[in-house]
Amino acid sequence: MTDCLFCKFVSGEIPVNPVYEDDSVLAFNDINPQAPVHFLVIPKIHFRNLTDAAESDPELVGSLLATGARIAKELGISDSGYRVVLNANEDAGQTVFHLHAHFLGKRKFLWPPG
């Protein structure tokens, strides 16, 4: 998708410093972090949101989450706890319409979120 920011990261058109990368996903630090540790994991294939990906490729959704959990462990936030956020569409706060999971840690989170 030519106008998608995250697709430009995947293609290399816009450089990004990966935290992790394999054949199916790319992980990188958030440019506007909301916690001391805040990284995103995105699929390399464009899906607009979780609903589209879950219907088309549920295994990829599992890989996206498992990759994030593995990175969280490597970054030392598994034991103290971390939050995973997946926004789907405008009312949920999605601003980049390419599926992505936020992994946040190293701070206390409240429930319900604000």
PDB file of N, CA and C in Angstrom:
ATOM      1  N   MET A   1       0.851  -1.169   0.000  1.00  0.00           N
ATOM      2  CA  MET A   1       0.000   0.000   0.000  1.00  0.00           C
ATOM      3  C   MET A   1       0.900   1.236   0.000  1.00  0.00           C
ATOM      4  N   THR A   2       0.813   2.055  -0.992  1.00  0.00           N
ATOM      5  CA  THR A   2       1.777   3.121  -1.216  1.00  0.00           C
ATOM      6  C   THR A   2       1.669   4.277  -0.234  1.00  0.00           C
ATOM      7  N   ASP A   3       0.506   4.534   0.338  1.00  0.00           N
ATOM      8  CA  ASP A   3       0.368   5.678   1.240  1.00  0.00           C
ATOM      9  C   ASP A   3       0.430   5.284   2.716  1.00  0.00           C
ATOM     10  N   CYS A   4       0.760   4.064   3.017  1.00  0.00           N
ATOM     11  CA  CYS A   4       0.790   3.565   4.393  1.00  0.00           C
ATOM     12  C   CYS A   4       2.186   3.767   4.993  1.00  0.00           C
ATOM     13  N   LEU A   5       2.251   4.502   6.101  1.00  0.00           N
ATOM     14  CA  LEU A   5       3.511   4.771   6.773  1.00  0.00           C
ATOM     15  C   LEU A   5       4.241   3.486   7.152  1.00  0.00           C
ATOM     16  N   PHE A   6       3.526   2.526   7.736  1.00  0.00           N
ATOM     17  CA  PHE A   6       4.181   1.303   8.185  1.00  0.00           C
ATOM     18  C   PHE A   6       4.626   0.433   7.014  1.00  0.00           C
ATOM     19  N   CYS A   7       3.897   0.460   5.914  1.00  0.00           N
ATOM     20  CA  CYS A   7       4.353  -0.255   4.720  1.00  0.00           C
ATOM     21  C   CYS A   7       5.663   0.347   4.209  1.00  0.00           C
ATOM     22  N   LYS A   8       5.818   1.663   4.368  1.00  0.00           N
ATOM     23  CA  LYS A   8       7.069   2.320   3.966  1.00  0.00           C
ATOM     24  C   LYS A   8       8.214   1.905   4.881  1.00  0.00           C
ATOM     25  N   PHE A   9       7.933   1.636   6.158  1.00  0.00           N
ATOM     26  CA  PHE A   9       8.957   1.099   7.049  1.00  0.00           C
ATOM     27  C   PHE A   9       9.378  -0.295   6.582  1.00  0.00           C
ATOM     28  N   VAL A  10       8.384  -1.132   6.274  1.00  0.00           N
ATOM     29  CA  VAL A  10       8.652  -2.511   5.852  1.00  0.00           C
ATOM     30  C   VAL A  10       9.463  -2.535   4.561  1.00  0.00           C
ATOM     31  N   SER A  11       9.117  -1.672   3.615  1.00  0.00           N
ATOM     32  CA  SER A  11       9.803  -1.665   2.316  1.00  0.00           C
ATOM     33  C   SER A  11      11.187  -1.028   2.387  1.00  0.00           C
ATOM     34  N   GLY A  12      11.471  -0.291   3.460  1.00  0.00           N
ATOM     35  CA  GLY A  12      12.744   0.407   3.568  1.00  0.00           C
ATOM     36  C   GLY A  12      12.713   1.803   2.983  1.00  0.00           C
ATOM     37  N   GLU A  13      11.565   2.206   2.433  1.00  0.00           N
ATOM     38  CA  GLU A  13      11.441   3.554   1.877  1.00  0.00           C
ATOM     39  C   GLU A  13      11.681   4.605   2.966  1.00  0.00           C
ATOM     40  N   ILE A  14      11.203   4.326   4.165  1.00  0.00           N
ATOM     41  CA  ILE A  14      11.492   5.155   5.339  1.00  0.00           C
ATOM     42  C   ILE A  14      12.287   4.284   6.299  1.00  0.00           C
ATOM     43  N   PRO A  15      13.502   4.703   6.639  1.00  0.00           N
ATOM     44  CA  PRO A  15      14.327   3.881   7.531  1.00  0.00           C
ATOM     45  C   PRO A  15      13.746   3.810   8.945  1.00  0.00           C
ATOM     46  N   VAL A  16      13.918   2.659   9.553  1.00  0.00           N
ATOM     47  CA  VAL A  16      13.497   2.441  10.933  1.00  0.00           C
ATOM     48  C   VAL A  16      14.567   1.567  11.585  1.00  0.00           C
ATOM     49  N   ASN A  17      14.806   1.788  12.858  1.00  0.00           N
ATOM     50  CA  ASN A  17      15.756   0.952  13.590  1.00  0.00           C
ATOM     51  C   ASN A  17      14.988  -0.198  14.229  1.00  0.00           C
ATOM     52  N   PRO A  18      15.084  -1.380  13.662  1.00  0.00           N
ATOM     53  CA  PRO A  18      14.290  -2.486  14.191  1.00  0.00           C
ATOM     54  C   PRO A  18      14.780  -2.949  15.563  1.00  0.00           C
ATOM     55  N   VAL A  19      13.814  -3.263  16.408  1.00  0.00           N
ATOM     56  CA  VAL A  19      14.085  -3.967  17.655  1.00  0.00           C
ATOM     57  C   VAL A  19      14.186  -5.454  17.340  1.00  0.00           C
ATOM     58  N   TYR A  20      13.386  -5.874  16.330  1.00  0.00           N
ATOM     59  CA  TYR A  20      13.353  -7.267  15.889  1.00  0.00           C
ATOM     60  C   TYR A  20      12.767  -7.276  14.482  1.00  0.00           C
ATOM     61  N   GLU A  21      13.199  -8.255  13.685  1.00  0.00           N
ATOM     62  CA  GLU A  21      12.648  -8.420  12.338  1.00  0.00           C
ATOM     63  C   GLU A  21      12.835  -9.858  11.907  1.00  0.00           C
ATOM     64  N   ASP A  22      11.794 -10.404  11.275  1.00  0.00           N
ATOM     65  CA  ASP A  22      11.905 -11.699  10.618  1.00  0.00           C
ATOM     66  C   ASP A  22      11.108 -11.626   9.326  1.00  0.00           C
ATOM     67  N   ASP A  23      10.793 -12.762   8.734  1.00  0.00           N
ATOM     68  CA  ASP A  23      10.099 -12.767   7.442  1.00  0.00           C
ATOM     69  C   ASP A  23       8.676 -12.232   7.511  1.00  0.00           C
ATOM     70  N   SER A  24       8.045 -12.276   8.693  1.00  0.00           N
ATOM     71  CA  SER A  24       6.632 -11.898   8.764  1.00  0.00           C
ATOM     72  C   SER A  24       6.322 -10.662   9.591  1.00  0.00           C
ATOM     73  N   VAL A  25       7.214 -10.273  10.514  1.00  0.00           N
ATOM     74  CA  VAL A  25       6.930  -9.115  11.374  1.00  0.00           C
ATOM     75  C   VAL A  25       8.138  -8.197  11.508  1.00  0.00           C
ATOM     76  N   LEU A  26       7.852  -6.966  11.893  1.00  0.00           N
ATOM     77  CA  LEU A  26       8.866  -5.955  12.169  1.00  0.00           C
ATOM     78  C   LEU A  26       8.490  -5.301  13.490  1.00  0.00           C
ATOM     79  N   ALA A  27       9.462  -5.140  14.386  1.00  0.00           N
ATOM     80  CA  ALA A  27       9.235  -4.460  15.664  1.00  0.00           C
ATOM     81  C   ALA A  27      10.196  -3.284  15.783  1.00  0.00           C
ATOM     82  N   PHE A  28       9.692  -2.175  16.312  1.00  0.00           N
ATOM     83  CA  PHE A  28      10.499  -0.969  16.461  1.00  0.00           C
ATOM     84  C   PHE A  28       9.936  -0.135  17.604  1.00  0.00           C
ATOM     85  N   ASN A  29      10.760   0.751  18.143  1.00  0.00           N
ATOM     86  CA  ASN A  29      10.322   1.609  19.236  1.00  0.00           C
ATOM     87  C   ASN A  29       9.348   2.669  18.744  1.00  0.00           C
ATOM     88  N   ASP A  30       8.362   2.984  19.581  1.00  0.00           N
ATOM     89  CA  ASP A  30       7.374   4.007  19.257  1.00  0.00           C
ATOM     90  C   ASP A  30       8.045   5.376  19.239  1.00  0.00           C
ATOM     91  N   ILE A  31       7.702   6.222  18.272  1.00  0.00           N
ATOM     92  CA  ILE A  31       8.317   7.546  18.189  1.00  0.00           C
ATOM     93  C   ILE A  31       7.745   8.520  19.220  1.00  0.00           C
ATOM     94  N   ASN A  32       6.610   8.169  19.831  1.00  0.00           N
ATOM     95  CA  ASN A  32       5.987   8.988  20.871  1.00  0.00           C
ATOM     96  C   ASN A  32       5.671   8.076  22.058  1.00  0.00           C
ATOM     97  N   PRO A  33       6.708   7.608  22.757  1.00  0.00           N
ATOM     98  CA  PRO A  33       6.488   6.586  23.785  1.00  0.00           C
ATOM     99  C   PRO A  33       5.600   7.054  24.926  1.00  0.00           C
ATOM    100  N   GLN A  34       4.737   6.155  25.374  1.00  0.00           N
ATOM    101  CA  GLN A  34       3.828   6.405  26.483  1.00  0.00           C
ATOM    102  C   GLN A  34       4.264   5.667  27.742  1.00  0.00           C
ATOM    103  N   ALA A  35       5.422   5.065  27.694  1.00  0.00           N
ATOM    104  CA  ALA A  35       6.002   4.339  28.821  1.00  0.00           C
ATOM    105  C   ALA A  35       7.507   4.255  28.575  1.00  0.00           C
ATOM    106  N   PRO A  36       8.297   3.989  29.626  1.00  0.00           N
ATOM    107  CA  PRO A  36       9.743   3.863  29.425  1.00  0.00           C
ATOM    108  C   PRO A  36      10.124   2.816  28.379  1.00  0.00           C
ATOM    109  N   VAL A  37       9.363   1.738  28.299  1.00  0.00           N
ATOM    110  CA  VAL A  37       9.512   0.771  27.208  1.00  0.00           C
ATOM    111  C   VAL A  37       8.221   0.823  26.416  1.00  0.00           C
ATOM    112  N   HIS A  38       8.310   1.133  25.129  1.00  0.00           N
ATOM    113  CA  HIS A  38       7.125   1.199  24.267  1.00  0.00           C
ATOM    114  C   HIS A  38       7.557   0.882  22.841  1.00  0.00           C
ATOM    115  N   PHE A  39       7.234  -0.330  22.409  1.00  0.00           N
ATOM    116  CA  PHE A  39       7.573  -0.729  21.051  1.00  0.00           C
ATOM    117  C   PHE A  39       6.327  -1.237  20.345  1.00  0.00           C
ATOM    118  N   LEU A  40       6.386  -1.235  19.023  1.00  0.00           N
ATOM    119  CA  LEU A  40       5.296  -1.733  18.181  1.00  0.00           C
ATOM    120  C   LEU A  40       5.763  -2.984  17.459  1.00  0.00           C
ATOM    121  N   VAL A  41       4.830  -3.891  17.219  1.00  0.00           N
ATOM    122  CA  VAL A  41       5.073  -5.039  16.360  1.00  0.00           C
ATOM    123  C   VAL A  41       4.025  -4.971  15.257  1.00  0.00           C
ATOM    124  N   ILE A  42       4.497  -5.018  14.010  1.00  0.00           N
ATOM    125  CA  ILE A  42       3.604  -4.934  12.847  1.00  0.00           C
ATOM    126  C   ILE A  42       3.846  -6.119  11.926  1.00  0.00           C
ATOM    127  N   PRO A  43       2.796  -6.555  11.231  1.00  0.00           N
ATOM    128  CA  PRO A  43       3.032  -7.569  10.195  1.00  0.00           C
ATOM    129  C   PRO A  43       3.638  -6.899   8.968  1.00  0.00           C
ATOM    130  N   LYS A  44       4.429  -7.643   8.229  1.00  0.00           N
ATOM    131  CA  LYS A  44       5.001  -7.106   6.996  1.00  0.00           C
ATOM    132  C   LYS A  44       3.972  -7.055   5.867  1.00  0.00           C
ATOM    133  N   ILE A  45       2.921  -7.811   6.005  1.00  0.00           N
ATOM    134  CA  ILE A  45       1.809  -7.767   5.048  1.00  0.00           C
ATOM    135  C   ILE A  45       0.820  -6.724   5.559  1.00  0.00           C
ATOM    136  N   HIS A  46       0.288  -5.914   4.675  1.00  0.00           N
ATOM    137  CA  HIS A  46      -0.649  -4.869   5.087  1.00  0.00           C
ATOM    138  C   HIS A  46      -2.026  -5.451   5.405  1.00  0.00           C
ATOM    139  N   PHE A  47      -2.448  -5.211   6.632  1.00  0.00           N
ATOM    140  CA  PHE A  47      -3.828  -5.420   7.060  1.00  0.00           C
ATOM    141  C   PHE A  47      -4.249  -4.121   7.721  1.00  0.00           C
ATOM    142  N   ARG A  48      -5.427  -3.647   7.433  1.00  0.00           N
ATOM    143  CA  ARG A  48      -5.903  -2.376   7.987  1.00  0.00           C
ATOM    144  C   ARG A  48      -6.006  -2.422   9.506  1.00  0.00           C
ATOM    145  N   ASN A  49      -6.483  -3.551  10.041  1.00  0.00           N
ATOM    146  CA  ASN A  49      -6.687  -3.646  11.484  1.00  0.00           C
ATOM    147  C   ASN A  49      -6.763  -5.110  11.913  1.00  0.00           C
ATOM    148  N   LEU A  50      -6.989  -5.325  13.195  1.00  0.00           N
ATOM    149  CA  LEU A  50      -7.036  -6.674  13.739  1.00  0.00           C
ATOM    150  C   LEU A  50      -8.150  -7.507  13.119  1.00  0.00           C
ATOM    151  N   THR A  51      -9.295  -6.920  12.905  1.00  0.00           N
ATOM    152  CA  THR A  51     -10.422  -7.660  12.327  1.00  0.00           C
ATOM    153  C   THR A  51     -10.056  -8.228  10.967  1.00  0.00           C
ATOM    154  N   ASP A  52      -9.461  -7.408  10.117  1.00  0.00           N
ATOM    155  CA  ASP A  52      -9.075  -7.867   8.776  1.00  0.00           C
ATOM    156  C   ASP A  52      -8.031  -8.986   8.854  1.00  0.00           C
ATOM    157  N   ALA A  53      -7.043  -8.824   9.720  1.00  0.00           N
ATOM    158  CA  ALA A  53      -5.984  -9.834   9.838  1.00  0.00           C
ATOM    159  C   ALA A  53      -6.517 -11.130  10.424  1.00  0.00           C
ATOM    160  N   ALA A  54      -7.360 -11.026  11.452  1.00  0.00           N
ATOM    161  CA  ALA A  54      -7.893 -12.227  12.100  1.00  0.00           C
ATOM    162  C   ALA A  54      -8.736 -13.050  11.133  1.00  0.00           C
ATOM    163  N   GLU A  55      -9.457 -12.380  10.253  1.00  0.00           N
ATOM    164  CA  GLU A  55     -10.276 -13.090   9.268  1.00  0.00           C
ATOM    165  C   GLU A  55      -9.411 -13.725   8.186  1.00  0.00           C
ATOM    166  N   SER A  56      -8.326 -13.061   7.794  1.00  0.00           N
ATOM    167  CA  SER A  56      -7.506 -13.528   6.679  1.00  0.00           C
ATOM    168  C   SER A  56      -6.334 -14.412   7.092  1.00  0.00           C
ATOM    169  N   ASP A  57      -5.729 -14.117   8.236  1.00  0.00           N
ATOM    170  CA  ASP A  57      -4.495 -14.812   8.618  1.00  0.00           C
ATOM    171  C   ASP A  57      -4.355 -14.875  10.140  1.00  0.00           C
ATOM    172  N   PRO A  58      -5.190 -15.685  10.804  1.00  0.00           N
ATOM    173  CA  PRO A  58      -5.130 -15.747  12.269  1.00  0.00           C
ATOM    174  C   PRO A  58      -3.779 -16.205  12.802  1.00  0.00           C
ATOM    175  N   GLU A  59      -3.052 -17.012  12.045  1.00  0.00           N
ATOM    176  CA  GLU A  59      -1.720 -17.435  12.484  1.00  0.00           C
ATOM    177  C   GLU A  59      -0.759 -16.249  12.576  1.00  0.00           C
ATOM    178  N   LEU A  60      -0.889 -15.305  11.674  1.00  0.00           N
ATOM    179  CA  LEU A  60      -0.053 -14.114  11.703  1.00  0.00           C
ATOM    180  C   LEU A  60      -0.338 -13.294  12.961  1.00  0.00           C
ATOM    181  N   VAL A  61      -1.605 -13.193  13.350  1.00  0.00           N
ATOM    182  CA  VAL A  61      -1.967 -12.474  14.568  1.00  0.00           C
ATOM    183  C   VAL A  61      -1.293 -13.131  15.771  1.00  0.00           C
ATOM    184  N   GLY A  62      -1.302 -14.457  15.818  1.00  0.00           N
ATOM    185  CA  GLY A  62      -0.621 -15.165  16.890  1.00  0.00           C
ATOM    186  C   GLY A  62       0.874 -14.910  16.879  1.00  0.00           C
ATOM    187  N   SER A  63       1.466 -14.896  15.714  1.00  0.00           N
ATOM    188  CA  SER A  63       2.907 -14.630  15.580  1.00  0.00           C
ATOM    189  C   SER A  63       3.240 -13.223  16.042  1.00  0.00           C
ATOM    190  N   LEU A  64       2.396 -12.250  15.701  1.00  0.00           N
ATOM    191  CA  LEU A  64       2.597 -10.873  16.105  1.00  0.00           C
ATOM    192  C   LEU A  64       2.640 -10.767  17.632  1.00  0.00           C
ATOM    193  N   LEU A  65       1.682 -11.403  18.303  1.00  0.00           N
ATOM    194  CA  LEU A  65       1.632 -11.352  19.763  1.00  0.00           C
ATOM    195  C   LEU A  65       2.761 -12.152  20.407  1.00  0.00           C
ATOM    196  N   ALA A  66       3.056 -13.314  19.871  1.00  0.00           N
ATOM    197  CA  ALA A  66       4.147 -14.130  20.429  1.00  0.00           C
ATOM    198  C   ALA A  66       5.488 -13.423  20.278  1.00  0.00           C
ATOM    199  N   THR A  67       5.691 -12.759  19.168  1.00  0.00           N
ATOM    200  CA  THR A  67       6.929 -12.005  18.957  1.00  0.00           C
ATOM    201  C   THR A  67       7.042 -10.885  19.986  1.00  0.00           C
ATOM    202  N   GLY A  68       5.964 -10.157  20.185  1.00  0.00           N
ATOM    203  CA  GLY A  68       5.975  -9.085  21.176  1.00  0.00           C
ATOM    204  C   GLY A  68       6.257  -9.595  22.572  1.00  0.00           C
ATOM    205  N   ALA A  69       5.671 -10.731  22.934  1.00  0.00           N
ATOM    206  CA  ALA A  69       5.909 -11.322  24.256  1.00  0.00           C
ATOM    207  C   ALA A  69       7.378 -11.726  24.416  1.00  0.00           C
ATOM    208  N   ARG A  70       7.952 -12.264  23.369  1.00  0.00           N
ATOM    209  CA  ARG A  70       9.364 -12.668  23.399  1.00  0.00           C
ATOM    210  C   ARG A  70      10.263 -11.433  23.564  1.00  0.00           C
ATOM    211  N   ILE A  71       9.961 -10.362  22.844  1.00  0.00           N
ATOM    212  CA  ILE A  71      10.741  -9.131  22.960  1.00  0.00           C
ATOM    213  C   ILE A  71      10.579  -8.545  24.368  1.00  0.00           C
ATOM    214  N   ALA A  72       9.362  -8.578  24.894  1.00  0.00           N
ATOM    215  CA  ALA A  72       9.110  -8.072  26.251  1.00  0.00           C
ATOM    216  C   ALA A  72       9.965  -8.819  27.266  1.00  0.00           C
ATOM    217  N   LYS A  73      10.072 -10.100  27.091  1.00  0.00           N
ATOM    218  CA  LYS A  73      10.905 -10.897  28.001  1.00  0.00           C
ATOM    219  C   LYS A  73      12.370 -10.492  27.861  1.00  0.00           C
ATOM    220  N   GLU A  74      12.841 -10.352  26.621  1.00  0.00           N
ATOM    221  CA  GLU A  74      14.231  -9.950  26.374  1.00  0.00           C
ATOM    222  C   GLU A  74      14.537  -8.569  26.947  1.00  0.00           C
ATOM    223  N   LEU A  75      13.546  -7.674  26.946  1.00  0.00           N
ATOM    224  CA  LEU A  75      13.740  -6.318  27.451  1.00  0.00           C
ATOM    225  C   LEU A  75      13.525  -6.219  28.960  1.00  0.00           C
ATOM    226  N   GLY A  76      13.196  -7.334  29.590  1.00  0.00           N
ATOM    227  CA  GLY A  76      13.074  -7.372  31.039  1.00  0.00           C
ATOM    228  C   GLY A  76      11.793  -6.806  31.612  1.00  0.00           C
ATOM    229  N   ILE A  77      10.713  -6.794  30.824  1.00  0.00           N
ATOM    230  CA  ILE A  77       9.451  -6.271  31.354  1.00  0.00           C
ATOM    231  C   ILE A  77       8.412  -7.355  31.620  1.00  0.00           C
ATOM    232  N   SER A  78       8.749  -8.600  31.380  1.00  0.00           N
ATOM    233  CA  SER A  78       7.780  -9.683  31.581  1.00  0.00           C
ATOM    234  C   SER A  78       7.447  -9.900  33.051  1.00  0.00           C
ATOM    235  N   ASP A  79       8.448  -9.917  33.911  1.00  0.00           N
ATOM    236  CA  ASP A  79       8.206 -10.230  35.315  1.00  0.00           C
ATOM    237  C   ASP A  79       7.400  -9.145  36.021  1.00  0.00           C
ATOM    238  N   SER A  80       7.707  -7.887  35.756  1.00  0.00           N
ATOM    239  CA  SER A  80       6.979  -6.803  36.414  1.00  0.00           C
ATOM    240  C   SER A  80       5.633  -6.539  35.752  1.00  0.00           C
ATOM    241  N   GLY A  81       5.510  -6.867  34.482  1.00  0.00           N
ATOM    242  CA  GLY A  81       4.247  -6.711  33.761  1.00  0.00           C
ATOM    243  C   GLY A  81       4.340  -5.702  32.632  1.00  0.00           C
ATOM    244  N   TYR A  82       3.529  -5.930  31.624  1.00  0.00           N
ATOM    245  CA  TYR A  82       3.471  -5.028  30.483  1.00  0.00           C
ATOM    246  C   TYR A  82       2.057  -5.033  29.938  1.00  0.00           C
ATOM    247  N   ARG A  83       1.740  -4.024  29.163  1.00  0.00           N
ATOM    248  CA  ARG A  83       0.416  -3.899  28.556  1.00  0.00           C
ATOM    249  C   ARG A  83       0.554  -4.029  27.047  1.00  0.00           C
ATOM    250  N   VAL A  84      -0.431  -4.700  26.442  1.00  0.00           N
ATOM    251  CA  VAL A  84      -0.510  -4.829  24.991  1.00  0.00           C
ATOM    252  C   VAL A  84      -1.772  -4.097  24.550  1.00  0.00           C
ATOM    253  N   VAL A  85      -1.629  -3.208  23.564  1.00  0.00           N
ATOM    254  CA  VAL A  85      -2.768  -2.437  23.069  1.00  0.00           C
ATOM    255  C   VAL A  85      -2.884  -2.643  21.564  1.00  0.00           C
ATOM    256  N   LEU A  86      -4.086  -3.016  21.133  1.00  0.00           N
ATOM    257  CA  LEU A  86      -4.412  -3.124  19.713  1.00  0.00           C
ATOM    258  C   LEU A  86      -5.652  -2.258  19.473  1.00  0.00           C
ATOM    259  N   ASN A  87      -5.489  -1.163  18.772  1.00  0.00           N
ATOM    260  CA  ASN A  87      -6.615  -0.296  18.451  1.00  0.00           C
ATOM    261  C   ASN A  87      -7.160  -0.679  17.076  1.00  0.00           C
ATOM    262  N   ALA A  88      -8.473  -0.773  16.980  1.00  0.00           N
ATOM    263  CA  ALA A  88      -9.091  -1.131  15.698  1.00  0.00           C
ATOM    264  C   ALA A  88     -10.094  -0.052  15.296  1.00  0.00           C
ATOM    265  N   ASN A  89      -9.688   0.760  14.354  1.00  0.00           N
ATOM    266  CA  ASN A  89     -10.493   1.819  13.749  1.00  0.00           C
ATOM    267  C   ASN A  89     -10.553   3.080  14.604  1.00  0.00           C
ATOM    268  N   GLU A  90     -11.222   4.093  14.060  1.00  0.00           N
ATOM    269  CA  GLU A  90     -11.181   5.447  14.596  1.00  0.00           C
ATOM    270  C   GLU A  90     -11.661   5.552  16.042  1.00  0.00           C
ATOM    271  N   ASP A  91     -12.803   4.955  16.369  1.00  0.00           N
ATOM    272  CA  ASP A  91     -13.351   5.102  17.716  1.00  0.00           C
ATOM    273  C   ASP A  91     -12.439   4.519  18.784  1.00  0.00           C
ATOM    274  N   ALA A  92     -11.579   3.598  18.422  1.00  0.00           N
ATOM    275  CA  ALA A  92     -10.634   3.005  19.378  1.00  0.00           C
ATOM    276  C   ALA A  92      -9.341   3.804  19.462  1.00  0.00           C
ATOM    277  N   GLY A  93      -9.164   4.756  18.574  1.00  0.00           N
ATOM    278  CA  GLY A  93      -7.958   5.578  18.594  1.00  0.00           C
ATOM    279  C   GLY A  93      -6.909   5.187  17.581  1.00  0.00           C
ATOM    280  N   GLN A  94      -7.244   4.298  16.645  1.00  0.00           N
ATOM    281  CA  GLN A  94      -6.261   3.923  15.625  1.00  0.00           C
ATOM    282  C   GLN A  94      -6.006   5.122  14.717  1.00  0.00           C
ATOM    283  N   THR A  95      -4.728   5.460  14.538  1.00  0.00           N
ATOM    284  CA  THR A  95      -4.365   6.586  13.673  1.00  0.00           C
ATOM    285  C   THR A  95      -3.543   6.154  12.462  1.00  0.00           C
ATOM    286  N   VAL A  96      -2.834   5.040  12.572  1.00  0.00           N
ATOM    287  CA  VAL A  96      -2.126   4.469  11.430  1.00  0.00           C
ATOM    288  C   VAL A  96      -2.867   3.187  11.077  1.00  0.00           C
ATOM    289  N   PHE A  97      -3.436   3.147   9.879  1.00  0.00           N
ATOM    290  CA  PHE A  97      -4.308   2.039   9.511  1.00  0.00           C
ATOM    291  C   PHE A  97      -3.530   0.905   8.844  1.00  0.00           C
ATOM    292  N   HIS A  98      -2.636   0.355   9.652  1.00  0.00           N
ATOM    293  CA  HIS A  98      -1.869  -0.857   9.369  1.00  0.00           C
ATOM    294  C   HIS A  98      -1.816  -1.547  10.727  1.00  0.00           C
ATOM    295  N   LEU A  99      -2.277  -2.774  10.782  1.00  0.00           N
ATOM    296  CA  LEU A  99      -2.317  -3.488  12.054  1.00  0.00           C
ATOM    297  C   LEU A  99      -1.015  -3.333  12.811  1.00  0.00           C
ATOM    298  N   HIS A 100      -1.109  -3.000  14.094  1.00  0.00           N
ATOM    299  CA  HIS A 100       0.071  -2.921  14.949  1.00  0.00           C
ATOM    300  C   HIS A 100      -0.335  -3.121  16.397  1.00  0.00           C
ATOM    301  N   ALA A 101       0.552  -3.755  17.143  1.00  0.00           N
ATOM    302  CA  ALA A 101       0.350  -3.970  18.569  1.00  0.00           C
ATOM    303  C   ALA A 101       1.379  -3.145  19.322  1.00  0.00           C
ATOM    304  N   HIS A 102       0.893  -2.367  20.278  1.00  0.00           N
ATOM    305  CA  HIS A 102       1.761  -1.608  21.173  1.00  0.00           C
ATOM    306  C   HIS A 102       2.091  -2.488  22.372  1.00  0.00           C
ATOM    307  N   PHE A 103       3.346  -2.548  22.748  1.00  0.00           N
ATOM    308  CA  PHE A 103       3.786  -3.231  23.968  1.00  0.00           C
ATOM    309  C   PHE A 103       4.424  -2.163  24.851  1.00  0.00           C
ATOM    310  N   LEU A 104       3.874  -1.980  26.057  1.00  0.00           N
ATOM    311  CA  LEU A 104       4.320  -0.924  26.961  1.00  0.00           C
ATOM    312  C   LEU A 104       4.695  -1.515  28.308  1.00  0.00           C
ATOM    313  N   GLY A 105       5.795  -1.021  28.888  1.00  0.00           N
ATOM    314  CA  GLY A 105       6.209  -1.522  30.185  1.00  0.00           C
ATOM    315  C   GLY A 105       7.108  -0.567  30.936  1.00  0.00           C
ATOM    316  N   LYS A 106       7.491  -0.995  32.131  1.00  0.00           N
ATOM    317  CA  LYS A 106       8.355  -0.236  33.048  1.00  0.00           C
ATOM    318  C   LYS A 106       7.630   0.943  33.680  1.00  0.00           C
ATOM    319  N   ARG A 107       6.288   0.841  33.796  1.00  0.00           N
ATOM    320  CA  ARG A 107       5.515   1.803  34.579  1.00  0.00           C
ATOM    321  C   ARG A 107       4.217   1.142  34.998  1.00  0.00           C
ATOM    322  N   LYS A 108       3.550   1.715  35.991  1.00  0.00           N
ATOM    323  CA  LYS A 108       2.251   1.213  36.447  1.00  0.00           C
ATOM    324  C   LYS A 108       1.169   1.704  35.503  1.00  0.00           C
ATOM    325  N   PHE A 109       0.221   0.834  35.198  1.00  0.00           N
ATOM    326  CA  PHE A 109      -0.914   1.193  34.364  1.00  0.00           C
ATOM    327  C   PHE A 109      -2.194   1.108  35.196  1.00  0.00           C
ATOM    328  N   LEU A 110      -3.153   1.916  34.856  1.00  0.00           N
ATOM    329  CA  LEU A 110      -4.433   1.926  35.555  1.00  0.00           C
ATOM    330  C   LEU A 110      -5.473   1.150  34.746  1.00  0.00           C
ATOM    331  N   TRP A 111      -6.484   0.680  35.457  1.00  0.00           N
ATOM    332  CA  TRP A 111      -7.632   0.069  34.780  1.00  0.00           C
ATOM    333  C   TRP A 111      -8.887   0.597  35.424  1.00  0.00           C
ATOM    334  N   PRO A 112      -9.840   1.028  34.668  1.00  0.00           N
ATOM    335  CA  PRO A 112      -9.830   1.070  33.206  1.00  0.00           C
ATOM    336  C   PRO A 112      -8.941   2.196  32.697  1.00  0.00           C
ATOM    337  N   PRO A 113      -8.463   2.030  31.458  1.00  0.00           N
ATOM    338  CA  PRO A 113      -7.646   3.098  30.870  1.00  0.00           C
ATOM    339  C   PRO A 113      -8.506   4.347  30.656  1.00  0.00           C
ATOM    340  N   GLY A 114      -7.863   5.493  30.583  1.00  0.00           N
ATOM    341  CA  GLY A 114      -8.581   6.770  30.500  1.00  0.00           C
ATOM    342  C   GLY A 114      -9.277   7.040  29.264  1.00  0.00           C
TER     343      GLY A 114
END
